[in-house]
């Protein structure tokens, strides 16, 4: 309910919200990410699937506490940095924003 309220508020200002999934699955059944994806689908909004982006990373980009994402430098030219979730998050966020911007410019 709260996610829909936030989406509707952002839309009421004429902005396009980009919804994103989370890297962890602490709830054990992906309920939260499925809910986020469902709202994006229902409102026809862009979805940045961060969960998918971290799957190839060691430990899926999650620290040993099972919650926090792994840290690394934001030097996207160094493949070793991109083995951590933090720079992967920042890079894929920028890619998502650029993609949405390009799609809106084409309309």
PDB file of N, CA and C in Angstrom:
ATOM      1  N   UNK A   1       0.788  -1.197   0.000  1.00  0.00           N
ATOM      2  CA  UNK A   1       0.000   0.000   0.000  1.00  0.00           C
ATOM      3  C   UNK A   1       0.834   1.267   0.000  1.00  0.00           C
ATOM      4  N   UNK A   2       1.891   1.271   0.817  1.00  0.00           N
ATOM      5  CA  UNK A   2       2.729   2.475   0.893  1.00  0.00           C
ATOM      6  C   UNK A   2       3.481   2.714  -0.410  1.00  0.00           C
ATOM      7  N   UNK A   3       3.913   1.646  -1.060  1.00  0.00           N
ATOM      8  CA  UNK A   3       4.628   1.812  -2.325  1.00  0.00           C
ATOM      9  C   UNK A   3       3.710   2.443  -3.359  1.00  0.00           C
ATOM     10  N   UNK A   4       2.488   1.983  -3.447  1.00  0.00           N
ATOM     11  CA  UNK A   4       1.532   2.568  -4.398  1.00  0.00           C
ATOM     12  C   UNK A   4       1.296   4.052  -4.086  1.00  0.00           C
ATOM     13  N   UNK A   5       1.191   4.378  -2.812  1.00  0.00           N
ATOM     14  CA  UNK A   5       0.987   5.770  -2.410  1.00  0.00           C
ATOM     15  C   UNK A   5       2.176   6.636  -2.841  1.00  0.00           C
ATOM     16  N   UNK A   6       3.391   6.123  -2.650  1.00  0.00           N
ATOM     17  CA  UNK A   6       4.589   6.869  -3.076  1.00  0.00           C
ATOM     18  C   UNK A   6       4.613   7.026  -4.594  1.00  0.00           C
ATOM     19  N   UNK A   7       4.302   5.956  -5.309  1.00  0.00           N
ATOM     20  CA  UNK A   7       4.279   6.015  -6.771  1.00  0.00           C
ATOM     21  C   UNK A   7       3.272   7.058  -7.233  1.00  0.00           C
ATOM     22  N   UNK A   8       2.083   7.035  -6.665  1.00  0.00           N
ATOM     23  CA  UNK A   8       1.047   7.988  -7.068  1.00  0.00           C
ATOM     24  C   UNK A   8       1.435   9.425  -6.733  1.00  0.00           C
ATOM     25  N   UNK A   9       2.133   9.619  -5.624  1.00  0.00           N
ATOM     26  CA  UNK A   9       2.600  10.959  -5.272  1.00  0.00           C
ATOM     27  C   UNK A   9       3.618  11.453  -6.290  1.00  0.00           C
ATOM     28  N   UNK A  10       4.585  10.632  -6.627  1.00  0.00           N
ATOM     29  CA  UNK A  10       5.603  11.024  -7.609  1.00  0.00           C
ATOM     30  C   UNK A  10       4.947  11.302  -8.957  1.00  0.00           C
ATOM     31  N   UNK A  11       4.036  10.444  -9.375  1.00  0.00           N
ATOM     32  CA  UNK A  11       3.348  10.647 -10.651  1.00  0.00           C
ATOM     33  C   UNK A  11       2.529  11.929 -10.644  1.00  0.00           C
ATOM     34  N   UNK A  12       1.961  12.291  -9.502  1.00  0.00           N
ATOM     35  CA  UNK A  12       1.154  13.500  -9.428  1.00  0.00           C
ATOM     36  C   UNK A  12       1.981  14.763  -9.667  1.00  0.00           C
ATOM     37  N   UNK A  13       3.284  14.663  -9.470  1.00  0.00           N
ATOM     38  CA  UNK A  13       4.189  15.788  -9.737  1.00  0.00           C
ATOM     39  C   UNK A  13       4.721  15.765 -11.168  1.00  0.00           C
ATOM     40  N   UNK A  14       4.275  14.813 -11.959  1.00  0.00           N
ATOM     41  CA  UNK A  14       4.709  14.725 -13.350  1.00  0.00           C
ATOM     42  C   UNK A  14       6.065  14.086 -13.529  1.00  0.00           C
ATOM     43  N   UNK A  15       6.559  13.414 -12.509  1.00  0.00           N
ATOM     44  CA  UNK A  15       7.855  12.735 -12.589  1.00  0.00           C
ATOM     45  C   UNK A  15       7.639  11.250 -12.840  1.00  0.00           C
ATOM     46  N   UNK A  16       8.675  10.599 -13.324  1.00  0.00           N
ATOM     47  CA  UNK A  16       8.626   9.156 -13.574  1.00  0.00           C
ATOM     48  C   UNK A  16       9.448   8.453 -12.507  1.00  0.00           C
ATOM     49  N   UNK A  17       8.780   7.724 -11.621  1.00  0.00           N
ATOM     50  CA  UNK A  17       9.551   6.969 -10.624  1.00  0.00           C
ATOM     51  C   UNK A  17      10.178   5.744 -11.265  1.00  0.00           C
ATOM     52  N   UNK A  18      11.359   5.419 -10.824  1.00  0.00           N
ATOM     53  CA  UNK A  18      12.021   4.178 -11.238  1.00  0.00           C
ATOM     54  C   UNK A  18      12.042   3.290 -10.001  1.00  0.00           C
ATOM     55  N   UNK A  19      11.344   2.176 -10.064  1.00  0.00           N
ATOM     56  CA  UNK A  19      11.321   1.258  -8.935  1.00  0.00           C
ATOM     57  C   UNK A  19      12.513   0.316  -9.028  1.00  0.00           C
ATOM     58  N   UNK A  20      12.983  -0.122  -7.886  1.00  0.00           N
ATOM     59  CA  UNK A  20      14.139  -1.005  -7.862  1.00  0.00           C
ATOM     60  C   UNK A  20      13.926  -2.148  -6.887  1.00  0.00           C
ATOM     61  N   UNK A  21      14.460  -3.285  -7.244  1.00  0.00           N
ATOM     62  CA  UNK A  21      14.443  -4.424  -6.340  1.00  0.00           C
ATOM     63  C   UNK A  21      15.622  -4.307  -5.386  1.00  0.00           C
ATOM     64  N   UNK A  22      15.596  -5.124  -4.344  1.00  0.00           N
ATOM     65  CA  UNK A  22      16.679  -5.116  -3.364  1.00  0.00           C
ATOM     66  C   UNK A  22      17.553  -6.342  -3.578  1.00  0.00           C
ATOM     67  N   UNK A  23      18.779  -6.259  -3.108  1.00  0.00           N
ATOM     68  CA  UNK A  23      19.749  -7.327  -3.355  1.00  0.00           C
ATOM     69  C   UNK A  23      19.509  -8.561  -2.495  1.00  0.00           C
ATOM     70  N   UNK A  24      19.005  -8.363  -1.286  1.00  0.00           N
ATOM     71  CA  UNK A  24      18.858  -9.507  -0.384  1.00  0.00           C
ATOM     72  C   UNK A  24      17.480 -10.152  -0.525  1.00  0.00           C
ATOM     73  N   UNK A  25      17.342 -11.282   0.148  1.00  0.00           N
ATOM     74  CA  UNK A  25      16.073 -11.986   0.229  1.00  0.00           C
ATOM     75  C   UNK A  25      15.868 -12.426   1.676  1.00  0.00           C
ATOM     76  N   UNK A  26      15.964 -11.475   2.596  1.00  0.00           N
ATOM     77  CA  UNK A  26      15.849 -11.809   4.008  1.00  0.00           C
ATOM     78  C   UNK A  26      14.498 -12.431   4.349  1.00  0.00           C
ATOM     79  N   UNK A  27      13.473 -12.078   3.603  1.00  0.00           N
ATOM     80  CA  UNK A  27      12.154 -12.623   3.885  1.00  0.00           C
ATOM     81  C   UNK A  27      12.036 -14.091   3.459  1.00  0.00           C
ATOM     82  N   UNK A  28      12.979 -14.546   2.622  1.00  0.00           N
ATOM     83  CA  UNK A  28      13.065 -15.952   2.261  1.00  0.00           C
ATOM     84  C   UNK A  28      12.260 -16.406   1.062  1.00  0.00           C
ATOM     85  N   UNK A  29      11.341 -15.602   0.593  1.00  0.00           N
ATOM     86  CA  UNK A  29      10.516 -16.033  -0.546  1.00  0.00           C
ATOM     87  C   UNK A  29      10.383 -14.954  -1.622  1.00  0.00           C
ATOM     88  N   UNK A  30      11.235 -13.961  -1.583  1.00  0.00           N
ATOM     89  CA  UNK A  30      11.273 -12.872  -2.576  1.00  0.00           C
ATOM     90  C   UNK A  30       9.973 -12.066  -2.622  1.00  0.00           C
ATOM     91  N   UNK A  31       9.196 -12.081  -1.553  1.00  0.00           N
ATOM     92  CA  UNK A  31       7.917 -11.376  -1.517  1.00  0.00           C
ATOM     93  C   UNK A  31       8.074  -9.893  -1.821  1.00  0.00           C
ATOM     94  N   UNK A  32       9.072  -9.275  -1.228  1.00  0.00           N
ATOM     95  CA  UNK A  32       9.216  -7.824  -1.404  1.00  0.00           C
ATOM     96  C   UNK A  32       9.570  -7.489  -2.845  1.00  0.00           C
ATOM     97  N   UNK A  33      10.542  -8.187  -3.423  1.00  0.00           N
ATOM     98  CA  UNK A  33      10.912  -7.902  -4.814  1.00  0.00           C
ATOM     99  C   UNK A  33       9.764  -8.203  -5.769  1.00  0.00           C
ATOM    100  N   UNK A  34       9.018  -9.264  -5.520  1.00  0.00           N
ATOM    101  CA  UNK A  34       7.856  -9.565  -6.375  1.00  0.00           C
ATOM    102  C   UNK A  34       6.808  -8.462  -6.269  1.00  0.00           C
ATOM    103  N   UNK A  35       6.612  -7.942  -5.074  1.00  0.00           N
ATOM    104  CA  UNK A  35       5.645  -6.850  -4.885  1.00  0.00           C
ATOM    105  C   UNK A  35       6.085  -5.596  -5.625  1.00  0.00           C
ATOM    106  N   UNK A  36       7.358  -5.293  -5.540  1.00  0.00           N
ATOM    107  CA  UNK A  36       7.901  -4.117  -6.241  1.00  0.00           C
ATOM    108  C   UNK A  36       7.722  -4.285  -7.749  1.00  0.00           C
ATOM    109  N   UNK A  37       8.054  -5.464  -8.261  1.00  0.00           N
ATOM    110  CA  UNK A  37       7.915  -5.729  -9.699  1.00  0.00           C
ATOM    111  C   UNK A  37       6.450  -5.652 -10.128  1.00  0.00           C
ATOM    112  N   UNK A  38       5.552  -6.137  -9.293  1.00  0.00           N
ATOM    113  CA  UNK A  38       4.125  -6.101  -9.616  1.00  0.00           C
ATOM    114  C   UNK A  38       3.627  -4.663  -9.720  1.00  0.00           C
ATOM    115  N   UNK A  39       4.042  -3.808  -8.802  1.00  0.00           N
ATOM    116  CA  UNK A  39       3.625  -2.403  -8.844  1.00  0.00           C
ATOM    117  C   UNK A  39       4.201  -1.725 -10.093  1.00  0.00           C
ATOM    118  N   UNK A  40       5.457  -2.003 -10.410  1.00  0.00           N
ATOM    119  CA  UNK A  40       6.050  -1.426 -11.625  1.00  0.00           C
ATOM    120  C   UNK A  40       5.259  -1.859 -12.860  1.00  0.00           C
ATOM    121  N   UNK A  41       4.894  -3.125 -12.907  1.00  0.00           N
ATOM    122  CA  UNK A  41       4.120  -3.639 -14.039  1.00  0.00           C
ATOM    123  C   UNK A  41       2.742  -2.976 -14.109  1.00  0.00           C
ATOM    124  N   UNK A  42       2.061  -2.908 -12.974  1.00  0.00           N
ATOM    125  CA  UNK A  42       0.706  -2.349 -12.948  1.00  0.00           C
ATOM    126  C   UNK A  42       0.670  -0.879 -13.360  1.00  0.00           C
ATOM    127  N   UNK A  43       1.681  -0.125 -12.977  1.00  0.00           N
ATOM    128  CA  UNK A  43       1.727   1.302 -13.309  1.00  0.00           C
ATOM    129  C   UNK A  43       2.515   1.572 -14.599  1.00  0.00           C
ATOM    130  N   UNK A  44       3.017   0.506 -15.222  1.00  0.00           N
ATOM    131  CA  UNK A  44       3.836   0.615 -16.432  1.00  0.00           C
ATOM    132  C   UNK A  44       5.040   1.521 -16.204  1.00  0.00           C
ATOM    133  N   UNK A  45       5.752   1.237 -15.117  1.00  0.00           N
ATOM    134  CA  UNK A  45       6.915   2.025 -14.725  1.00  0.00           C
ATOM    135  C   UNK A  45       8.192   1.246 -14.991  1.00  0.00           C
ATOM    136  N   UNK A  46       9.299   1.968 -15.145  1.00  0.00           N
ATOM    137  CA  UNK A  46      10.583   1.277 -15.282  1.00  0.00           C
ATOM    138  C   UNK A  46      10.951   0.571 -13.975  1.00  0.00           C
ATOM    139  N   UNK A  47      11.547  -0.598 -14.131  1.00  0.00           N
ATOM    140  CA  UNK A  47      12.008  -1.373 -12.986  1.00  0.00           C
ATOM    141  C   UNK A  47      13.493  -1.639 -13.156  1.00  0.00           C
ATOM    142  N   UNK A  48      14.256  -1.212 -12.190  1.00  0.00           N
ATOM    143  CA  UNK A  48      15.691  -1.495 -12.138  1.00  0.00           C
ATOM    144  C   UNK A  48      15.831  -2.749 -11.284  1.00  0.00           C
ATOM    145  N   UNK A  49      16.196  -3.845 -11.906  1.00  0.00           N
ATOM    146  CA  UNK A  49      16.287  -5.114 -11.201  1.00  0.00           C
ATOM    147  C   UNK A  49      17.686  -5.269 -10.599  1.00  0.00           C
ATOM    148  N   UNK A  50      17.883  -4.587  -9.480  1.00  0.00           N
ATOM    149  CA  UNK A  50      19.177  -4.649  -8.802  1.00  0.00           C
ATOM    150  C   UNK A  50      19.459  -6.051  -8.298  1.00  0.00           C
ATOM    151  N   UNK A  51      18.428  -6.769  -7.859  1.00  0.00           N
ATOM    152  CA  UNK A  51      18.625  -8.153  -7.413  1.00  0.00           C
ATOM    153  C   UNK A  51      19.292  -8.957  -8.523  1.00  0.00           C
ATOM    154  N   UNK A  52      18.826  -8.823  -9.739  1.00  0.00           N
ATOM    155  CA  UNK A  52      19.394  -9.562 -10.874  1.00  0.00           C
ATOM    156  C   UNK A  52      20.829  -9.124 -11.153  1.00  0.00           C
ATOM    157  N   UNK A  53      21.102  -7.845 -11.002  1.00  0.00           N
ATOM    158  CA  UNK A  53      22.443  -7.321 -11.299  1.00  0.00           C
ATOM    159  C   UNK A  53      23.503  -7.886 -10.368  1.00  0.00           C
ATOM    160  N   UNK A  54      23.139  -8.222  -9.130  1.00  0.00           N
ATOM    161  CA  UNK A  54      24.139  -8.718  -8.173  1.00  0.00           C
ATOM    162  C   UNK A  54      24.248 -10.232  -8.145  1.00  0.00           C
ATOM    163  N   UNK A  55      23.402 -10.939  -8.869  1.00  0.00           N
ATOM    164  CA  UNK A  55      23.447 -12.400  -8.827  1.00  0.00           C
ATOM    165  C   UNK A  55      24.789 -12.990  -9.270  1.00  0.00           C
ATOM    166  N   UNK A  56      25.470 -12.431 -10.277  1.00  0.00           N
ATOM    167  CA  UNK A  56      26.760 -13.001 -10.681  1.00  0.00           C
ATOM    168  C   UNK A  56      27.915 -12.698  -9.712  1.00  0.00           C
ATOM    169  N   UNK A  57      27.705 -11.789  -8.782  1.00  0.00           N
ATOM    170  CA  UNK A  57      28.786 -11.378  -7.878  1.00  0.00           C
ATOM    171  C   UNK A  57      29.038 -12.439  -6.805  1.00  0.00           C
ATOM    172  N   UNK A  58      30.261 -12.460  -6.258  1.00  0.00           N
ATOM    173  CA  UNK A  58      30.525 -13.370  -5.143  1.00  0.00           C
ATOM    174  C   UNK A  58      29.518 -13.142  -4.013  1.00  0.00           C
ATOM    175  N   UNK A  59      28.924 -14.207  -3.539  1.00  0.00           N
ATOM    176  CA  UNK A  59      27.917 -14.159  -2.474  1.00  0.00           C
ATOM    177  C   UNK A  59      26.742 -13.252  -2.856  1.00  0.00           C
ATOM    178  N   UNK A  60      26.531 -13.125  -4.167  1.00  0.00           N
ATOM    179  CA  UNK A  60      25.442 -12.292  -4.705  1.00  0.00           C
ATOM    180  C   UNK A  60      25.517 -10.854  -4.196  1.00  0.00           C
ATOM    181  N   UNK A  61      26.739 -10.400  -3.897  1.00  0.00           N
ATOM    182  CA  UNK A  61      26.950  -9.019  -3.490  1.00  0.00           C
ATOM    183  C   UNK A  61      26.520  -8.712  -2.066  1.00  0.00           C
ATOM    184  N   UNK A  62      26.299  -9.737  -1.268  1.00  0.00           N
ATOM    185  CA  UNK A  62      25.818  -9.543   0.099  1.00  0.00           C
ATOM    186  C   UNK A  62      26.934  -9.868   1.092  1.00  0.00           C
ATOM    187  N   UNK A  63      27.092  -8.996   2.085  1.00  0.00           N
ATOM    188  CA  UNK A  63      28.066  -9.215   3.153  1.00  0.00           C
ATOM    189  C   UNK A  63      27.661 -10.444   3.986  1.00  0.00           C
ATOM    190  N   UNK A  64      28.561 -10.887   4.838  1.00  0.00           N
ATOM    191  CA  UNK A  64      28.308 -12.076   5.650  1.00  0.00           C
ATOM    192  C   UNK A  64      27.131 -11.893   6.614  1.00  0.00           C
ATOM    193  N   UNK A  65      26.725 -10.645   6.876  1.00  0.00           N
ATOM    194  CA  UNK A  65      25.568 -10.429   7.750  1.00  0.00           C
ATOM    195  C   UNK A  65      24.251 -10.741   7.049  1.00  0.00           C
ATOM    196  N   UNK A  66      24.321 -11.026   5.728  1.00  0.00           N
ATOM    197  CA  UNK A  66      23.130 -11.393   4.973  1.00  0.00           C
ATOM    198  C   UNK A  66      22.260 -10.231   4.555  1.00  0.00           C
ATOM    199  N   UNK A  67      22.688  -9.010   4.854  1.00  0.00           N
ATOM    200  CA  UNK A  67      21.845  -7.845   4.593  1.00  0.00           C
ATOM    201  C   UNK A  67      22.563  -6.760   3.802  1.00  0.00           C
ATOM    202  N   UNK A  68      23.716  -6.331   4.272  1.00  0.00           N
ATOM    203  CA  UNK A  68      24.427  -5.223   3.638  1.00  0.00           C
ATOM    204  C   UNK A  68      25.116  -5.678   2.355  1.00  0.00           C
ATOM    205  N   UNK A  69      25.219  -4.735   1.405  1.00  0.00           N
ATOM    206  CA  UNK A  69      25.906  -5.066   0.156  1.00  0.00           C
ATOM    207  C   UNK A  69      27.406  -4.836   0.301  1.00  0.00           C
ATOM    208  N   UNK A  70      28.170  -5.553  -0.506  1.00  0.00           N
ATOM    209  CA  UNK A  70      29.628  -5.460  -0.446  1.00  0.00           C
ATOM    210  C   UNK A  70      30.102  -4.124  -0.998  1.00  0.00           C
ATOM    211  N   UNK A  71      31.158  -3.606  -0.399  1.00  0.00           N
ATOM    212  CA  UNK A  71      31.673  -2.289  -0.765  1.00  0.00           C
ATOM    213  C   UNK A  71      32.826  -2.399  -1.759  1.00  0.00           C
ATOM    214  N   UNK A  72      32.963  -1.380  -2.567  1.00  0.00           N
ATOM    215  CA  UNK A  72      34.054  -1.269  -3.518  1.00  0.00           C
ATOM    216  C   UNK A  72      34.116   0.150  -4.039  1.00  0.00           C
ATOM    217  N   UNK A  73      35.208   0.469  -4.683  1.00  0.00           N
ATOM    218  CA  UNK A  73      35.386   1.810  -5.247  1.00  0.00           C
ATOM    219  C   UNK A  73      34.511   2.001  -6.478  1.00  0.00           C
ATOM    220  N   UNK A  74      34.136   3.231  -6.736  1.00  0.00           N
ATOM    221  CA  UNK A  74      33.317   3.541  -7.904  1.00  0.00           C
ATOM    222  C   UNK A  74      34.168   3.817  -9.137  1.00  0.00           C
ATOM    223  N   UNK A  75      35.178   3.018  -9.321  1.00  0.00           N
ATOM    224  CA  UNK A  75      35.997   3.061 -10.535  1.00  0.00           C
ATOM    225  C   UNK A  75      35.472   1.957 -11.437  1.00  0.00           C
ATOM    226  N   UNK A  76      34.578   2.330 -12.358  1.00  0.00           N
ATOM    227  CA  UNK A  76      33.911   1.350 -13.187  1.00  0.00           C
ATOM    228  C   UNK A  76      34.827   0.750 -14.249  1.00  0.00           C
ATOM    229  N   UNK A  77      36.022   1.309 -14.413  1.00  0.00           N
ATOM    230  CA  UNK A  77      36.955   0.766 -15.401  1.00  0.00           C
ATOM    231  C   UNK A  77      37.753  -0.409 -14.848  1.00  0.00           C
ATOM    232  N   UNK A  78      37.685  -0.639 -13.555  1.00  0.00           N
ATOM    233  CA  UNK A  78      38.427  -1.728 -12.921  1.00  0.00           C
ATOM    234  C   UNK A  78      37.486  -2.905 -12.661  1.00  0.00           C
ATOM    235  N   UNK A  79      37.653  -4.004 -13.390  1.00  0.00           N
ATOM    236  CA  UNK A  79      36.766  -5.158 -13.222  1.00  0.00           C
ATOM    237  C   UNK A  79      36.747  -5.709 -11.794  1.00  0.00           C
ATOM    238  N   UNK A  80      37.832  -5.532 -11.051  1.00  0.00           N
ATOM    239  CA  UNK A  80      37.842  -6.014  -9.669  1.00  0.00           C
ATOM    240  C   UNK A  80      36.851  -5.244  -8.807  1.00  0.00           C
ATOM    241  N   UNK A  81      36.702  -3.959  -9.061  1.00  0.00           N
ATOM    242  CA  UNK A  81      35.722  -3.163  -8.314  1.00  0.00           C
ATOM    243  C   UNK A  81      34.300  -3.643  -8.587  1.00  0.00           C
ATOM    244  N   UNK A  82      34.071  -4.079  -9.815  1.00  0.00           N
ATOM    245  CA  UNK A  82      32.726  -4.502 -10.199  1.00  0.00           C
ATOM    246  C   UNK A  82      32.386  -5.906  -9.704  1.00  0.00           C
ATOM    247  N   UNK A  83      33.252  -6.467  -8.872  1.00  0.00           N
ATOM    248  CA  UNK A  83      32.926  -7.734  -8.203  1.00  0.00           C
ATOM    249  C   UNK A  83      32.277  -7.458  -6.847  1.00  0.00           C
ATOM    250  N   UNK A  84      32.011  -6.179  -6.584  1.00  0.00           N
ATOM    251  CA  UNK A  84      31.338  -5.752  -5.354  1.00  0.00           C
ATOM    252  C   UNK A  84      30.010  -5.094  -5.708  1.00  0.00           C
ATOM    253  N   UNK A  85      29.072  -5.188  -4.791  1.00  0.00           N
ATOM    254  CA  UNK A  85      27.720  -4.708  -5.073  1.00  0.00           C
ATOM    255  C   UNK A  85      27.612  -3.185  -5.098  1.00  0.00           C
ATOM    256  N   UNK A  86      28.400  -2.498  -4.263  1.00  0.00           N
ATOM    257  CA  UNK A  86      28.276  -1.035  -4.199  1.00  0.00           C
ATOM    258  C   UNK A  86      28.551  -0.374  -5.552  1.00  0.00           C
ATOM    259  N   UNK A  87      29.700  -0.622  -6.181  1.00  0.00           N
ATOM    260  CA  UNK A  87      29.912  -0.009  -7.493  1.00  0.00           C
ATOM    261  C   UNK A  87      28.975  -0.574  -8.564  1.00  0.00           C
ATOM    262  N   UNK A  88      28.597  -1.843  -8.438  1.00  0.00           N
ATOM    263  CA  UNK A  88      27.632  -2.419  -9.379  1.00  0.00           C
ATOM    264  C   UNK A  88      26.297  -1.699  -9.250  1.00  0.00           C
ATOM    265  N   UNK A  89      25.901  -1.407  -8.017  1.00  0.00           N
ATOM    266  CA  UNK A  89      24.673  -0.650  -7.776  1.00  0.00           C
ATOM    267  C   UNK A  89      24.746   0.709  -8.445  1.00  0.00           C
ATOM    268  N   UNK A  90      25.843   1.424  -8.221  1.00  0.00           N
ATOM    269  CA  UNK A  90      25.964   2.767  -8.774  1.00  0.00           C
ATOM    270  C   UNK A  90      26.007   2.759 -10.294  1.00  0.00           C
ATOM    271  N   UNK A  91      26.734   1.802 -10.869  1.00  0.00           N
ATOM    272  CA  UNK A  91      26.820   1.727 -12.332  1.00  0.00           C
ATOM    273  C   UNK A  91      25.473   1.361 -12.936  1.00  0.00           C
ATOM    274  N   UNK A  92      24.806   0.350 -12.399  1.00  0.00           N
ATOM    275  CA  UNK A  92      23.523  -0.052 -12.977  1.00  0.00           C
ATOM    276  C   UNK A  92      22.441   0.998 -12.736  1.00  0.00           C
ATOM    277  N   UNK A  93      22.554   1.758 -11.656  1.00  0.00           N
ATOM    278  CA  UNK A  93      21.616   2.870 -11.440  1.00  0.00           C
ATOM    279  C   UNK A  93      21.790   3.922 -12.529  1.00  0.00           C
ATOM    280  N   UNK A  94      23.030   4.286 -12.816  1.00  0.00           N
ATOM    281  CA  UNK A  94      23.291   5.263 -13.878  1.00  0.00           C
ATOM    282  C   UNK A  94      22.828   4.754 -15.236  1.00  0.00           C
ATOM    283  N   UNK A  95      23.051   3.468 -15.491  1.00  0.00           N
ATOM    284  CA  UNK A  95      22.607   2.879 -16.758  1.00  0.00           C
ATOM    285  C   UNK A  95      21.076   2.917 -16.867  1.00  0.00           C
ATOM    286  N   UNK A  96      20.416   2.640 -15.766  1.00  0.00           N
ATOM    287  CA  UNK A  96      18.947   2.655 -15.757  1.00  0.00           C
ATOM    288  C   UNK A  96      18.418   4.061 -15.998  1.00  0.00           C
ATOM    289  N   UNK A  97      18.987   5.030 -15.315  1.00  0.00           N
ATOM    290  CA  UNK A  97      18.559   6.422 -15.495  1.00  0.00           C
ATOM    291  C   UNK A  97      18.779   6.858 -16.940  1.00  0.00           C
ATOM    292  N   UNK A  98      19.926   6.517 -17.503  1.00  0.00           N
ATOM    293  CA  UNK A  98      20.216   6.879 -18.895  1.00  0.00           C
ATOM    294  C   UNK A  98      19.222   6.223 -19.848  1.00  0.00           C
ATOM    295  N   UNK A  99      18.895   4.975 -19.600  1.00  0.00           N
ATOM    296  CA  UNK A  99      17.951   4.262 -20.454  1.00  0.00           C
ATOM    297  C   UNK A  99      16.560   4.880 -20.386  1.00  0.00           C
ATOM    298  N   UNK A 100      16.111   5.201 -19.197  1.00  0.00           N
ATOM    299  CA  UNK A 100      14.794   5.827 -19.039  1.00  0.00           C
ATOM    300  C   UNK A 100      14.792   7.211 -19.682  1.00  0.00           C
ATOM    301  N   UNK A 101      15.854   7.963 -19.473  1.00  0.00           N
ATOM    302  CA  UNK A 101      15.939   9.287 -20.091  1.00  0.00           C
ATOM    303  C   UNK A 101      15.862   9.200 -21.614  1.00  0.00           C
ATOM    304  N   UNK A 102      16.611   8.271 -22.198  1.00  0.00           N
ATOM    305  CA  UNK A 102      16.599   8.102 -23.656  1.00  0.00           C
ATOM    306  C   UNK A 102      15.211   7.700 -24.157  1.00  0.00           C
ATOM    307  N   UNK A 103      14.552   6.815 -23.411  1.00  0.00           N
ATOM    308  CA  UNK A 103      13.214   6.388 -23.817  1.00  0.00           C
ATOM    309  C   UNK A 103      12.224   7.554 -23.757  1.00  0.00           C
ATOM    310  N   UNK A 104      12.338   8.388 -22.735  1.00  0.00           N
ATOM    311  CA  UNK A 104      11.440   9.539 -22.632  1.00  0.00           C
ATOM    312  C   UNK A 104      11.716  10.571 -23.709  1.00  0.00           C
ATOM    313  N   UNK A 105      12.980  10.725 -24.106  1.00  0.00           N
ATOM    314  CA  UNK A 105      13.324  11.674 -25.167  1.00  0.00           C
ATOM    315  C   UNK A 105      12.781  11.205 -26.513  1.00  0.00           C
ATOM    316  N   UNK A 106      12.645   9.898 -26.698  1.00  0.00           N
ATOM    317  CA  UNK A 106      12.171   9.344 -27.966  1.00  0.00           C
ATOM    318  C   UNK A 106      10.659   9.482 -28.133  1.00  0.00           C
ATOM    319  N   UNK A 107       9.947   9.760 -27.028  1.00  0.00           N
ATOM    320  CA  UNK A 107       8.481   9.880 -27.115  1.00  0.00           C
ATOM    321  C   UNK A 107       8.059  11.168 -27.771  1.00  0.00           C
TER     322      UNK A 107
END
